[in-house]
C-alpha atoms as a PDB file:
ATOM      1  CA  MET A   1     -11.523 -22.805  -5.276  1.00  0.00           C
ATOM      2  CA  GLU A   2     -10.694 -23.882  -8.796  1.00  0.00           C
ATOM      3  CA  ASP A   3      -7.382 -24.307 -10.556  1.00  0.00           C
ATOM      4  CA  PRO A   4      -6.027 -20.801 -11.317  1.00  0.00           C
ATOM      5  CA  GLU A   5      -4.798 -22.060 -14.694  1.00  0.00           C
ATOM      6  CA  SER A   6      -8.367 -22.720 -15.814  1.00  0.00           C
ATOM      7  CA  ASN A   7     -10.494 -20.107 -14.036  1.00  0.00           C
ATOM      8  CA  ILE A   8     -10.166 -16.783 -12.267  1.00  0.00           C
ATOM      9  CA  GLN A   9     -12.106 -18.066  -9.230  1.00  0.00           C
ATOM     10  CA  THR A  10      -9.685 -17.747  -6.315  1.00  0.00           C
ATOM     11  CA  GLY A  11     -11.846 -17.965  -3.219  1.00  0.00           C
ATOM     12  CA  LEU A  12     -10.231 -14.708  -2.094  1.00  0.00           C
ATOM     13  CA  SER A  13     -12.040 -11.523  -1.168  1.00  0.00           C
ATOM     14  CA  LEU A  14     -10.369  -8.944  -3.402  1.00  0.00           C
ATOM     15  CA  SER A  15     -10.927  -5.214  -3.692  1.00  0.00           C
ATOM     16  CA  CYS A  16     -10.473  -2.831  -6.586  1.00  0.00           C
ATOM     17  CA  PRO A  17      -7.281  -0.769  -6.262  1.00  0.00           C
ATOM     18  CA  ALA A  18      -8.959   2.136  -8.082  1.00  0.00           C
ATOM     19  CA  CYS A  19     -12.102   2.499  -5.954  1.00  0.00           C
ATOM     20  CA  GLY A  20     -11.966  -0.057  -3.148  1.00  0.00           C
ATOM     21  CA  GLU A  21     -15.151  -1.874  -4.174  1.00  0.00           C
ATOM     22  CA  SER A  22     -15.342  -5.663  -4.117  1.00  0.00           C
ATOM     23  CA  LEU A  23     -14.226  -7.498  -7.222  1.00  0.00           C
ATOM     24  CA  SER A  24     -16.077 -10.401  -8.758  1.00  0.00           C
ATOM     25  CA  ALA A  25     -15.605 -12.572 -11.815  1.00  0.00           C
ATOM     26  CA  VAL A  26     -16.796 -11.040 -15.085  1.00  0.00           C
ATOM     27  CA  LEU A  27     -19.600 -13.081 -16.596  1.00  0.00           C
ATOM     28  CA  GLY A  28     -18.438 -14.946 -19.663  1.00  0.00           C
ATOM     29  CA  SER A  29     -14.741 -14.559 -18.834  1.00  0.00           C
ATOM     30  CA  ASP A  30     -12.406 -16.972 -17.113  1.00  0.00           C
ATOM     31  CA  GLU A  31      -9.711 -14.309 -16.772  1.00  0.00           C
ATOM     32  CA  MET A  32     -11.309 -11.040 -15.696  1.00  0.00           C
ATOM     33  CA  LEU A  33     -12.420  -9.527 -12.408  1.00  0.00           C
ATOM     34  CA  ALA A  34     -14.459  -6.320 -12.196  1.00  0.00           C
ATOM     35  CA  CYS A  35     -15.962  -4.023  -9.584  1.00  0.00           C
ATOM     36  CA  ALA A  36     -19.331  -2.251  -9.620  1.00  0.00           C
ATOM     37  CA  ALA A  37     -17.648   0.758 -11.297  1.00  0.00           C
ATOM     38  CA  ASN A  38     -16.520  -1.597 -14.097  1.00  0.00           C
ATOM     39  CA  HIS A  39     -12.782  -1.351 -13.375  1.00  0.00           C
ATOM     40  CA  GLN A  40     -11.490  -4.616 -14.847  1.00  0.00           C
ATOM     41  CA  TYR A  41      -8.404  -6.665 -14.005  1.00  0.00           C
ATOM     42  CA  THR A  42      -6.694  -9.920 -14.708  1.00  0.00           C
ATOM     43  CA  LEU A  43      -4.881 -11.381 -11.693  1.00  0.00           C
ATOM     44  CA  PRO A  44      -1.481 -10.009 -12.849  1.00  0.00           C
ATOM     45  CA  THR A  45      -2.882  -6.515 -13.529  1.00  0.00           C
ATOM     46  CA  LEU A  46      -4.707  -6.617 -10.184  1.00  0.00           C
ATOM     47  CA  LEU A  47      -1.453  -7.432  -8.400  1.00  0.00           C
ATOM     48  CA  PHE A  48       0.229  -4.506 -10.151  1.00  0.00           C
ATOM     49  CA  GLY A  49      -2.651  -2.131  -9.380  1.00  0.00           C
ATOM     50  CA  GLN A  50      -2.748  -3.139  -5.723  1.00  0.00           C
ATOM     51  CA  SER A  51       1.021  -2.717  -5.431  1.00  0.00           C
ATOM     52  CA  MET A  52       0.851   0.775  -6.924  1.00  0.00           C
ATOM     53  CA  ARG A  53      -2.048   1.713  -4.622  1.00  0.00           C
ATOM     54  CA  ALA A  54      -0.217   0.358  -1.555  1.00  0.00           C
ATOM     55  CA  SER A  55       2.875   2.364  -2.500  1.00  0.00           C
ATOM     56  CA  ALA A  56       0.805   5.548  -2.854  1.00  0.00           C
ATOM     57  CA  LEU A  57      -0.914   4.984   0.497  1.00  0.00           C
ATOM     58  CA  ILE A  58       2.378   4.274   2.246  1.00  0.00           C
ATOM     59  CA  GLU A  59       3.867   7.471   0.800  1.00  0.00           C
ATOM     60  CA  ALA A  60       0.835   9.476   1.974  1.00  0.00           C
ATOM     61  CA  GLY A  61       1.190   7.940   5.422  1.00  0.00           C
ATOM     62  CA  ALA A  62       4.907   8.740   5.470  1.00  0.00           C
ATOM     63  CA  ARG A  63       4.190  12.399   4.645  1.00  0.00           C
ATOM     64  CA  LEU A  64       1.661  12.584   7.484  1.00  0.00           C
ATOM     65  CA  LEU A  65       4.151  11.034   9.920  1.00  0.00           C
ATOM     66  CA  GLU A  66       6.755  13.585   8.816  1.00  0.00           C
ATOM     67  CA  GLU A  67       4.308  16.388   9.590  1.00  0.00           C
ATOM     68  CA  GLN A  68       3.639  14.880  13.007  1.00  0.00           C
ATOM     69  CA  GLU A  69       7.367  14.599  13.656  1.00  0.00           C
ATOM     70  CA  ARG A  70       7.869  18.294  12.826  1.00  0.00           C
ATOM     71  CA  LEU A  71       4.892  19.301  14.978  1.00  0.00           C
ATOM     72  CA  ILE A  72       6.126  17.265  17.954  1.00  0.00           C
ATOM     73  CA  ARG A  73       9.629  18.720  17.630  1.00  0.00           C
ATOM     74  CA  ALA A  74       8.157  22.256  17.514  1.00  0.00           C
ATOM     75  CA  ILE A  75       6.182  21.580  20.698  1.00  0.00           C
ATOM     76  CA  ALA A  76       9.255  20.064  22.347  1.00  0.00           C
ATOM     77  CA  THR A  77      11.294  23.162  21.469  1.00  0.00           C
ATOM     78  CA  GLN A  78       8.702  25.340  23.197  1.00  0.00           C
ATOM     79  CA  LEU A  79       8.775  23.132  26.309  1.00  0.00           C
ATOM     80  CA  TRP A  80      12.557  22.827  26.817  1.00  0.00           C
ATOM     81  CA  GLU A  81      12.788  25.847  29.138  1.00  0.00           C
ATOM     82  CA  SER A  82       9.842  25.057  31.404  1.00  0.00           C
ATOM     83  CA  GLN A  83       9.235  21.306  31.077  1.00  0.00           C
ATOM     84  CA  SER A  84      12.438  19.623  29.993  1.00  0.00           C
ATOM     85  CA  LEU A  85      11.295  16.088  30.899  1.00  0.00           C
ATOM     86  CA  ALA A  86       8.163  16.441  28.736  1.00  0.00           C
ATOM     87  CA  ALA A  87      10.269  17.936  25.944  1.00  0.00           C
ATOM     88  CA  PHE A  88      12.725  15.039  26.182  1.00  0.00           C
ATOM     89  CA  LYS A  89       9.865  12.496  25.918  1.00  0.00           C
ATOM     90  CA  LEU A  90       8.429  14.340  22.941  1.00  0.00           C
ATOM     91  CA  GLU A  91      11.814  14.293  21.208  1.00  0.00           C
ATOM     92  CA  GLY A  92      11.866  10.517  21.723  1.00  0.00           C
ATOM     93  CA  GLN A  93       8.425  10.234  20.129  1.00  0.00           C
ATOM     94  CA  ALA A  94       9.601  12.359  17.208  1.00  0.00           C
ATOM     95  CA  ASP A  95      12.665  10.129  16.771  1.00  0.00           C
ATOM     96  CA  HIS A  96      10.407   7.059  16.731  1.00  0.00           C
ATOM     97  CA  LEU A  97       8.180   8.684  14.079  1.00  0.00           C
ATOM     98  CA  LYS A  98      11.257   9.399  11.942  1.00  0.00           C
ATOM     99  CA  GLU A  99      12.410   5.780  12.217  1.00  0.00           C
ATOM    100  CA  THR A 100       8.938   4.558  11.262  1.00  0.00           C
ATOM    101  CA  THR A 101       8.767   6.944   8.310  1.00  0.00           C
ATOM    102  CA  ASP A 102      12.202   5.859   7.095  1.00  0.00           C
ATOM    103  CA  ALA A 103      11.179   2.183   7.368  1.00  0.00           C
ATOM    104  CA  LEU A 104       7.992   2.795   5.386  1.00  0.00           C
ATOM    105  CA  ARG A 105       9.866   4.602   2.642  1.00  0.00           C
ATOM    106  CA  GLN A 106      12.441   1.808   2.533  1.00  0.00           C
ATOM    107  CA  VAL A 107       9.680  -0.729   1.855  1.00  0.00           C
ATOM    108  CA  VAL A 108       8.620   1.282  -1.182  1.00  0.00           C
ATOM    109  CA  THR A 109      12.082   2.196  -2.508  1.00  0.00           C
ATOM    110  CA  GLU A 110      13.485  -1.310  -2.170  1.00  0.00           C
ATOM    111  CA  GLY A 111      10.789  -2.508  -4.498  1.00  0.00           C
ATOM    112  CA  VAL A 112       8.858  -4.727  -2.129  1.00  0.00           C
ATOM    113  CA  LEU A 113       5.638  -3.146  -3.336  1.00  0.00           C
ATOM    114  CA  GLN A 114       6.791  -2.125  -6.781  1.00  0.00           C
ATOM    115  CA  ALA A 115       5.459  -5.152  -8.578  1.00  0.00           C
ATOM    116  CA  GLN A 116       5.923  -4.980 -12.290  1.00  0.00           C
ATOM    117  CA  PRO A 117       3.158  -6.174 -14.551  1.00  0.00           C
ATOM    118  CA  LEU A 118       3.560  -9.889 -15.015  1.00  0.00           C
ATOM    119  CA  LYS A 119       3.661 -11.232 -18.533  1.00  0.00           C
ATOM    120  CA  GLU A 120       0.598 -13.299 -19.099  1.00  0.00           C
ATOM    121  CA  VAL A 121       1.551 -16.673 -20.490  1.00  0.00           C
ATOM    122  CA  HIS A 122      -1.042 -18.614 -22.449  1.00  0.00           C
ATOM    123  CA  GLY A 123       0.327 -21.964 -23.498  1.00  0.00           C
ATOM    124  CA  SER A 124       3.867 -20.635 -23.928  1.00  0.00           C
ATOM    125  CA  SER A 125       6.901 -22.655 -22.882  1.00  0.00           C
ATOM    126  CA  ASN A 126       9.097 -19.533 -22.353  1.00  0.00           C
END
């Protein structure tokens, strides 16, 4: 691994946030990474792109968990008359799904994954 100030080589296995392909250094550039589809990134823009992709995936996962919660609650409602213990357990699973969904959304809304593009500094003392 080389000094990140002088070369993009990081020794990390990185993937493209747009397509998921592996990224490699662009020939002739000390600052760019690219995938086979020619999506190109600097390290700061890669961090931003990955953060946006992670946020989108977490939101999609949260929506799916919400659907599962509603489905489980609907099944539990049907079971209350004949199988109250099973319905009670299902309600507990639905509550756990809701807590998980809320925690996932909190990660996104609190800005943990909402990285803002970093200003690239080239020889600046600011």
